[in-house]
Amino acid sequence: MHEWHKSSYSGNTGNCVEVAEGPVTGIRDTQNRELGHLAVPAPEWTALVNAVRGR
């Protein structure tokens, strides 16, 4: 995974999600980083985002 950054889908409410992109996409809650992260193969993450977008 690459460096963590705030997801472009996170608003300015303080409830942010961070992602680390690469062959595996990491997803974590910025308020609970110590709890770990989810690791998902990049193609599966892309499929989920596209499904949520309705594509």
PDB file of N, CA and C in Angstrom:
ATOM      1  N   MET A   1       0.843  -1.183   0.000  1.00  0.00           N
ATOM      2  CA  MET A   1       0.000   0.000   0.000  1.00  0.00           C
ATOM      3  C   MET A   1       0.888   1.245   0.000  1.00  0.00           C
ATOM      4  N   HIS A   2       0.342   2.290  -0.523  1.00  0.00           N
ATOM      5  CA  HIS A   2       1.037   3.574  -0.548  1.00  0.00           C
ATOM      6  C   HIS A   2       0.702   4.359   0.717  1.00  0.00           C
ATOM      7  N   GLU A   3       1.082   5.618   0.763  1.00  0.00           N
ATOM      8  CA  GLU A   3       0.824   6.448   1.938  1.00  0.00           C
ATOM      9  C   GLU A   3      -0.674   6.675   2.147  1.00  0.00           C
ATOM     10  N   TRP A   4      -1.052   6.825   3.407  1.00  0.00           N
ATOM     11  CA  TRP A   4      -2.448   7.093   3.773  1.00  0.00           C
ATOM     12  C   TRP A   4      -2.790   8.539   3.452  1.00  0.00           C
ATOM     13  N   HIS A   5      -4.013   8.763   2.957  1.00  0.00           N
ATOM     14  CA  HIS A   5      -4.529  10.108   2.733  1.00  0.00           C
ATOM     15  C   HIS A   5      -6.041  10.098   2.919  1.00  0.00           C
ATOM     16  N   LYS A   6      -6.585  11.261   3.190  1.00  0.00           N
ATOM     17  CA  LYS A   6      -8.032  11.398   3.388  1.00  0.00           C
ATOM     18  C   LYS A   6      -8.741  11.060   2.084  1.00  0.00           C
ATOM     19  N   SER A   7      -9.759  10.261   2.189  1.00  0.00           N
ATOM     20  CA  SER A   7     -10.539   9.899   1.019  1.00  0.00           C
ATOM     21  C   SER A   7     -11.240  11.118   0.451  1.00  0.00           C
ATOM     22  N   SER A   8     -11.302  11.190  -0.865  1.00  0.00           N
ATOM     23  CA  SER A   8     -12.008  12.300  -1.513  1.00  0.00           C
ATOM     24  C   SER A   8     -13.506  12.217  -1.252  1.00  0.00           C
ATOM     25  N   TYR A   9     -13.997  11.085  -0.756  1.00  0.00           N
ATOM     26  CA  TYR A   9     -15.419  10.920  -0.452  1.00  0.00           C
ATOM     27  C   TYR A   9     -15.772  11.397   0.956  1.00  0.00           C
ATOM     28  N   SER A  10     -14.762  11.693   1.767  1.00  0.00           N
ATOM     29  CA  SER A  10     -15.012  12.184   3.126  1.00  0.00           C
ATOM     30  C   SER A  10     -15.379  13.660   3.074  1.00  0.00           C
ATOM     31  N   GLY A  11     -16.374  14.035   3.838  1.00  0.00           N
ATOM     32  CA  GLY A  11     -16.767  15.437   3.908  1.00  0.00           C
ATOM     33  C   GLY A  11     -15.952  16.180   4.945  1.00  0.00           C
ATOM     34  N   ASN A  12     -16.426  17.325   5.345  1.00  0.00           N
ATOM     35  CA  ASN A  12     -15.744  18.135   6.349  1.00  0.00           C
ATOM     36  C   ASN A  12     -16.404  18.014   7.716  1.00  0.00           C
ATOM     37  N   THR A  13     -16.990  16.865   8.007  1.00  0.00           N
ATOM     38  CA  THR A  13     -17.716  16.684   9.261  1.00  0.00           C
ATOM     39  C   THR A  13     -16.828  16.161  10.382  1.00  0.00           C
ATOM     40  N   GLY A  14     -15.594  15.817  10.098  1.00  0.00           N
ATOM     41  CA  GLY A  14     -14.720  15.220  11.092  1.00  0.00           C
ATOM     42  C   GLY A  14     -14.809  13.706  11.107  1.00  0.00           C
ATOM     43  N   ASN A  15     -15.776  13.155  10.391  1.00  0.00           N
ATOM     44  CA  ASN A  15     -15.927  11.706  10.257  1.00  0.00           C
ATOM     45  C   ASN A  15     -15.253  11.286   8.958  1.00  0.00           C
ATOM     46  N   CYS A  16     -13.947  11.129   9.024  1.00  0.00           N
ATOM     47  CA  CYS A  16     -13.180  10.902   7.802  1.00  0.00           C
ATOM     48  C   CYS A  16     -12.717   9.462   7.670  1.00  0.00           C
ATOM     49  N   VAL A  17     -12.546   9.085   6.450  1.00  0.00           N
ATOM     50  CA  VAL A  17     -11.976   7.795   6.097  1.00  0.00           C
ATOM     51  C   VAL A  17     -10.672   8.070   5.377  1.00  0.00           C
ATOM     52  N   GLU A  18      -9.639   7.308   5.709  1.00  0.00           N
ATOM     53  CA  GLU A  18      -8.372   7.407   5.009  1.00  0.00           C
ATOM     54  C   GLU A  18      -8.191   6.170   4.153  1.00  0.00           C
ATOM     55  N   VAL A  19      -7.518   6.345   3.036  1.00  0.00           N
ATOM     56  CA  VAL A  19      -7.226   5.231   2.150  1.00  0.00           C
ATOM     57  C   VAL A  19      -5.736   5.230   1.816  1.00  0.00           C
ATOM     58  N   ALA A  20      -5.236   4.064   1.515  1.00  0.00           N
ATOM     59  CA  ALA A  20      -3.882   3.884   1.006  1.00  0.00           C
ATOM     60  C   ALA A  20      -4.040   3.014  -0.231  1.00  0.00           C
ATOM     61  N   GLU A  21      -3.731   3.573  -1.376  1.00  0.00           N
ATOM     62  CA  GLU A  21      -3.986   2.881  -2.633  1.00  0.00           C
ATOM     63  C   GLU A  21      -2.740   2.176  -3.142  1.00  0.00           C
ATOM     64  N   GLY A  22      -2.962   1.170  -3.931  1.00  0.00           N
ATOM     65  CA  GLY A  22      -1.910   0.352  -4.516  1.00  0.00           C
ATOM     66  C   GLY A  22      -2.549  -0.937  -4.993  1.00  0.00           C
ATOM     67  N   PRO A  23      -1.794  -2.023  -5.144  1.00  0.00           N
ATOM     68  CA  PRO A  23      -2.390  -3.304  -5.538  1.00  0.00           C
ATOM     69  C   PRO A  23      -3.441  -3.773  -4.532  1.00  0.00           C
ATOM     70  N   VAL A  24      -3.248  -3.355  -3.282  1.00  0.00           N
ATOM     71  CA  VAL A  24      -4.232  -3.581  -2.223  1.00  0.00           C
ATOM     72  C   VAL A  24      -4.624  -2.216  -1.692  1.00  0.00           C
ATOM     73  N   THR A  25      -5.919  -1.964  -1.547  1.00  0.00           N
ATOM     74  CA  THR A  25      -6.390  -0.692  -1.013  1.00  0.00           C
ATOM     75  C   THR A  25      -6.665  -0.862   0.472  1.00  0.00           C
ATOM     76  N   GLY A  26      -6.084   0.030   1.269  1.00  0.00           N
ATOM     77  CA  GLY A  26      -6.335   0.034   2.700  1.00  0.00           C
ATOM     78  C   GLY A  26      -7.360   1.092   3.036  1.00  0.00           C
ATOM     79  N   ILE A  27      -8.250   0.788   3.962  1.00  0.00           N
ATOM     80  CA  ILE A  27      -9.297   1.720   4.382  1.00  0.00           C
ATOM     81  C   ILE A  27      -9.307   1.738   5.906  1.00  0.00           C
ATOM     82  N   ARG A  28      -9.291   2.946   6.507  1.00  0.00           N
ATOM     83  CA  ARG A  28      -9.340   3.043   7.969  1.00  0.00           C
ATOM     84  C   ARG A  28     -10.078   4.294   8.403  1.00  0.00           C
ATOM     85  N   ASP A  29     -10.553   4.262   9.615  1.00  0.00           N
ATOM     86  CA  ASP A  29     -11.249   5.378  10.250  1.00  0.00           C
ATOM     87  C   ASP A  29     -10.202   6.289  10.884  1.00  0.00           C
ATOM     88  N   THR A  30     -10.224   7.559  10.548  1.00  0.00           N
ATOM     89  CA  THR A  30      -9.221   8.479  11.091  1.00  0.00           C
ATOM     90  C   THR A  30      -9.337   8.644  12.600  1.00  0.00           C
ATOM     91  N   GLN A  31     -10.514   8.431  13.143  1.00  0.00           N
ATOM     92  CA  GLN A  31     -10.698   8.600  14.583  1.00  0.00           C
ATOM     93  C   GLN A  31     -10.326   7.343  15.369  1.00  0.00           C
ATOM     94  N   ASN A  32     -10.104   6.239  14.674  1.00  0.00           N
ATOM     95  CA  ASN A  32      -9.789   4.970  15.336  1.00  0.00           C
ATOM     96  C   ASN A  32      -8.668   4.233  14.607  1.00  0.00           C
ATOM     97  N   ARG A  33      -7.617   4.935  14.252  1.00  0.00           N
ATOM     98  CA  ARG A  33      -6.516   4.316  13.506  1.00  0.00           C
ATOM     99  C   ARG A  33      -5.920   3.116  14.229  1.00  0.00           C
ATOM    100  N   GLU A  34      -5.904   3.188  15.560  1.00  0.00           N
ATOM    101  CA  GLU A  34      -5.289   2.117  16.352  1.00  0.00           C
ATOM    102  C   GLU A  34      -6.035   0.784  16.232  1.00  0.00           C
ATOM    103  N   LEU A  35      -7.249   0.822  15.715  1.00  0.00           N
ATOM    104  CA  LEU A  35      -8.034  -0.406  15.548  1.00  0.00           C
ATOM    105  C   LEU A  35      -7.670  -1.162  14.274  1.00  0.00           C
ATOM    106  N   GLY A  36      -6.804  -0.592  13.468  1.00  0.00           N
ATOM    107  CA  GLY A  36      -6.362  -1.269  12.260  1.00  0.00           C
ATOM    108  C   GLY A  36      -7.081  -0.766  11.019  1.00  0.00           C
ATOM    109  N   HIS A  37      -7.033  -1.563   9.990  1.00  0.00           N
ATOM    110  CA  HIS A  37      -7.630  -1.170   8.716  1.00  0.00           C
ATOM    111  C   HIS A  37      -8.150  -2.395   7.980  1.00  0.00           C
ATOM    112  N   LEU A  38      -8.942  -2.137   6.963  1.00  0.00           N
ATOM    113  CA  LEU A  38      -9.383  -3.174   6.042  1.00  0.00           C
ATOM    114  C   LEU A  38      -8.428  -3.157   4.857  1.00  0.00           C
ATOM    115  N   ALA A  39      -8.090  -4.306   4.339  1.00  0.00           N
ATOM    116  CA  ALA A  39      -7.250  -4.409   3.152  1.00  0.00           C
ATOM    117  C   ALA A  39      -8.044  -5.166   2.091  1.00  0.00           C
ATOM    118  N   VAL A  40      -8.223  -4.530   0.939  1.00  0.00           N
ATOM    119  CA  VAL A  40      -9.064  -5.078  -0.123  1.00  0.00           C
ATOM    120  C   VAL A  40      -8.280  -5.025  -1.431  1.00  0.00           C
ATOM    121  N   PRO A  41      -8.303  -6.090  -2.237  1.00  0.00           N
ATOM    122  CA  PRO A  41      -7.654  -6.010  -3.543  1.00  0.00           C
ATOM    123  C   PRO A  41      -8.212  -4.811  -4.324  1.00  0.00           C
ATOM    124  N   ALA A  42      -7.335  -4.070  -4.956  1.00  0.00           N
ATOM    125  CA  ALA A  42      -7.734  -2.838  -5.645  1.00  0.00           C
ATOM    126  C   ALA A  42      -8.905  -3.030  -6.619  1.00  0.00           C
ATOM    127  N   PRO A  43      -8.942  -4.085  -7.422  1.00  0.00           N
ATOM    128  CA  PRO A  43     -10.088  -4.252  -8.335  1.00  0.00           C
ATOM    129  C   PRO A  43     -11.424  -4.404  -7.597  1.00  0.00           C
ATOM    130  N   GLU A  44     -11.388  -5.049  -6.431  1.00  0.00           N
ATOM    131  CA  GLU A  44     -12.618  -5.206  -5.655  1.00  0.00           C
ATOM    132  C   GLU A  44     -13.071  -3.873  -5.079  1.00  0.00           C
ATOM    133  N   TRP A  45     -12.123  -3.055  -4.629  1.00  0.00           N
ATOM    134  CA  TRP A  45     -12.454  -1.730  -4.103  1.00  0.00           C
ATOM    135  C   TRP A  45     -13.065  -0.872  -5.217  1.00  0.00           C
ATOM    136  N   THR A  46     -12.475  -0.927  -6.405  1.00  0.00           N
ATOM    137  CA  THR A  46     -13.002  -0.173  -7.546  1.00  0.00           C
ATOM    138  C   THR A  46     -14.419  -0.622  -7.872  1.00  0.00           C
ATOM    139  N   ALA A  47     -14.668  -1.920  -7.839  1.00  0.00           N
ATOM    140  CA  ALA A  47     -16.009  -2.451  -8.123  1.00  0.00           C
ATOM    141  C   ALA A  47     -17.010  -1.954  -7.091  1.00  0.00           C
ATOM    142  N   LEU A  48     -16.613  -1.921  -5.816  1.00  0.00           N
ATOM    143  CA  LEU A  48     -17.518  -1.423  -4.768  1.00  0.00           C
ATOM    144  C   LEU A  48     -17.834   0.051  -4.971  1.00  0.00           C
ATOM    145  N   VAL A  49     -16.817   0.859  -5.224  1.00  0.00           N
ATOM    146  CA  VAL A  49     -17.034   2.298  -5.433  1.00  0.00           C
ATOM    147  C   VAL A  49     -17.941   2.521  -6.633  1.00  0.00           C
ATOM    148  N   ASN A  50     -17.719   1.797  -7.711  1.00  0.00           N
ATOM    149  CA  ASN A  50     -18.570   1.933  -8.898  1.00  0.00           C
ATOM    150  C   ASN A  50     -20.004   1.500  -8.620  1.00  0.00           C
ATOM    151  N   ALA A  51     -20.193   0.457  -7.818  1.00  0.00           N
ATOM    152  CA  ALA A  51     -21.541   0.010  -7.478  1.00  0.00           C
ATOM    153  C   ALA A  51     -22.261   1.057  -6.640  1.00  0.00           C
ATOM    154  N   VAL A  52     -21.548   1.667  -5.713  1.00  0.00           N
ATOM    155  CA  VAL A  52     -22.155   2.705  -4.874  1.00  0.00           C
ATOM    156  C   VAL A  52     -22.523   3.921  -5.730  1.00  0.00           C
ATOM    157  N   ARG A  53     -21.701   4.220  -6.696  1.00  0.00           N
ATOM    158  CA  ARG A  53     -21.976   5.346  -7.605  1.00  0.00           C
ATOM    159  C   ARG A  53     -23.113   5.047  -8.572  1.00  0.00           C
ATOM    160  N   GLY A  54     -23.451   3.775  -8.707  1.00  0.00           N
ATOM    161  CA  GLY A  54     -24.527   3.378  -9.626  1.00  0.00           C
ATOM    162  C   GLY A  54     -24.060   3.177 -11.035  1.00  0.00           C
ATOM    163  N   ARG A  55     -22.802   2.857 -11.208  1.00  0.00           N
ATOM    164  CA  ARG A  55     -22.265   2.614 -12.559  1.00  0.00           C
ATOM    165  C   ARG A  55     -22.402   1.183 -12.945  1.00  0.00           C
TER     166      ARG A  55
END
